[in-house]
Amino acid sequence: MLLRLAYLAMTNTFALLRLLPMGSREKDIEILALRHQLPVLQRQVGKPGFSTGIRIRRPSVSRGYTGPWPLRGTRA
């Protein structure tokens, strides 16, 4: 955990140091590139699919259901 925190602190520090000498135009270009990259990555990943069992269990868990779950592969 401490190693991860140190890694994140160093990467953020280097990112900040890289942005300091940039002008406004270069920052705007980088922002545009990152805005384009985000939808491209979202299209590649797609939306997560949920199985029937998960669709049954999620609402039950949020409502505090503590009974036995249906066996795997059976229909509710």
Protein backbone atom coordinates (compact mmCIF):
# COMPACT_ATOMS: atom_id res chain seq x y z
CA MET A 1 0.00 0.00 0.00
CA LEU A 2 2.80 2.40 0.91
CA LEU A 3 4.66 1.51 -2.28
CA ARG A 4 1.55 2.22 -4.36
CA LEU A 5 1.06 5.58 -2.64
CA ALA A 6 4.70 6.52 -3.31
CA TYR A 7 4.31 5.47 -6.97
CA LEU A 8 1.17 7.58 -7.40
CA ALA A 9 2.82 10.57 -5.75
CA MET A 10 5.85 10.34 -8.04
CA THR A 11 3.81 9.93 -11.23
CA ASN A 12 1.60 12.89 -10.33
CA THR A 13 4.67 14.98 -9.52
CA PHE A 14 6.25 14.17 -12.88
CA ALA A 15 2.99 14.94 -14.68
CA LEU A 16 2.82 18.32 -12.94
CA LEU A 17 6.45 19.11 -13.74
CA ARG A 18 5.81 18.26 -17.39
CA LEU A 19 2.85 20.66 -17.57
CA LEU A 20 4.62 23.64 -15.96
CA PRO A 21 6.70 24.76 -18.98
CA MET A 22 3.83 24.21 -21.45
CA GLY A 23 1.99 27.10 -22.94
CA SER A 24 -1.74 27.44 -23.15
CA ARG A 25 -1.88 26.22 -26.76
CA GLU A 26 0.04 23.00 -26.03
CA LYS A 27 -2.20 22.27 -23.03
CA ASP A 28 -5.31 22.78 -25.18
CA ILE A 29 -3.95 20.38 -27.81
CA GLU A 30 -3.22 17.74 -25.17
CA ILE A 31 -6.71 18.13 -23.68
CA LEU A 32 -8.26 17.66 -27.12
CA ALA A 33 -6.17 14.54 -27.70
CA LEU A 34 -7.18 13.08 -24.33
CA ARG A 35 -10.85 13.88 -24.96
CA HIS A 36 -10.61 11.95 -28.22
CA GLN A 37 -8.78 9.07 -26.58
CA LEU A 38 -11.44 8.54 -23.89
CA PRO A 39 -14.33 7.62 -26.25
CA VAL A 40 -11.99 5.42 -28.29
CA LEU A 41 -11.02 3.45 -25.18
CA GLN A 42 -14.65 3.24 -24.03
CA ARG A 43 -15.66 1.73 -27.37
CA GLN A 44 -12.89 -0.86 -27.12
CA VAL A 45 -13.85 -1.97 -23.63
CA GLY A 46 -17.61 -2.02 -24.06
CA LYS A 47 -20.21 -2.42 -21.35
CA PRO A 48 -20.02 -5.25 -18.83
CA GLY A 49 -22.51 -8.04 -19.33
CA PHE A 50 -24.34 -9.46 -16.35
CA SER A 51 -25.41 -13.06 -16.12
CA THR A 52 -28.90 -14.02 -15.02
CA GLY A 53 -27.65 -15.05 -11.58
CA ILE A 54 -26.08 -11.67 -10.93
CA ARG A 55 -29.22 -9.87 -12.09
CA ILE A 56 -31.22 -11.86 -9.56
CA ARG A 57 -28.78 -11.46 -6.66
CA ARG A 58 -27.95 -7.74 -6.90
CA PRO A 59 -31.40 -6.39 -5.98
CA SER A 60 -31.78 -9.06 -3.29
CA VAL A 61 -28.50 -8.09 -1.64
CA SER A 62 -29.40 -4.40 -1.67
CA ARG A 63 -32.71 -5.20 0.05
CA GLY A 64 -31.07 -7.34 2.72
CA TYR A 65 -32.21 -10.79 1.54
CA THR A 66 -30.35 -13.47 3.49
CA GLY A 67 -32.07 -16.63 2.24
CA PRO A 68 -30.49 -19.37 0.13
CA TRP A 69 -29.42 -18.44 -3.38
CA PRO A 70 -30.61 -20.46 -6.37
CA LEU A 71 -28.11 -23.02 -7.55
CA ARG A 72 -25.93 -22.16 -10.50
CA GLY A 73 -27.54 -22.88 -13.83
CA THR A 74 -31.10 -22.99 -12.49
CA ARG A 75 -33.76 -20.53 -13.47
CA ALA A 76 -35.56 -18.48 -10.85
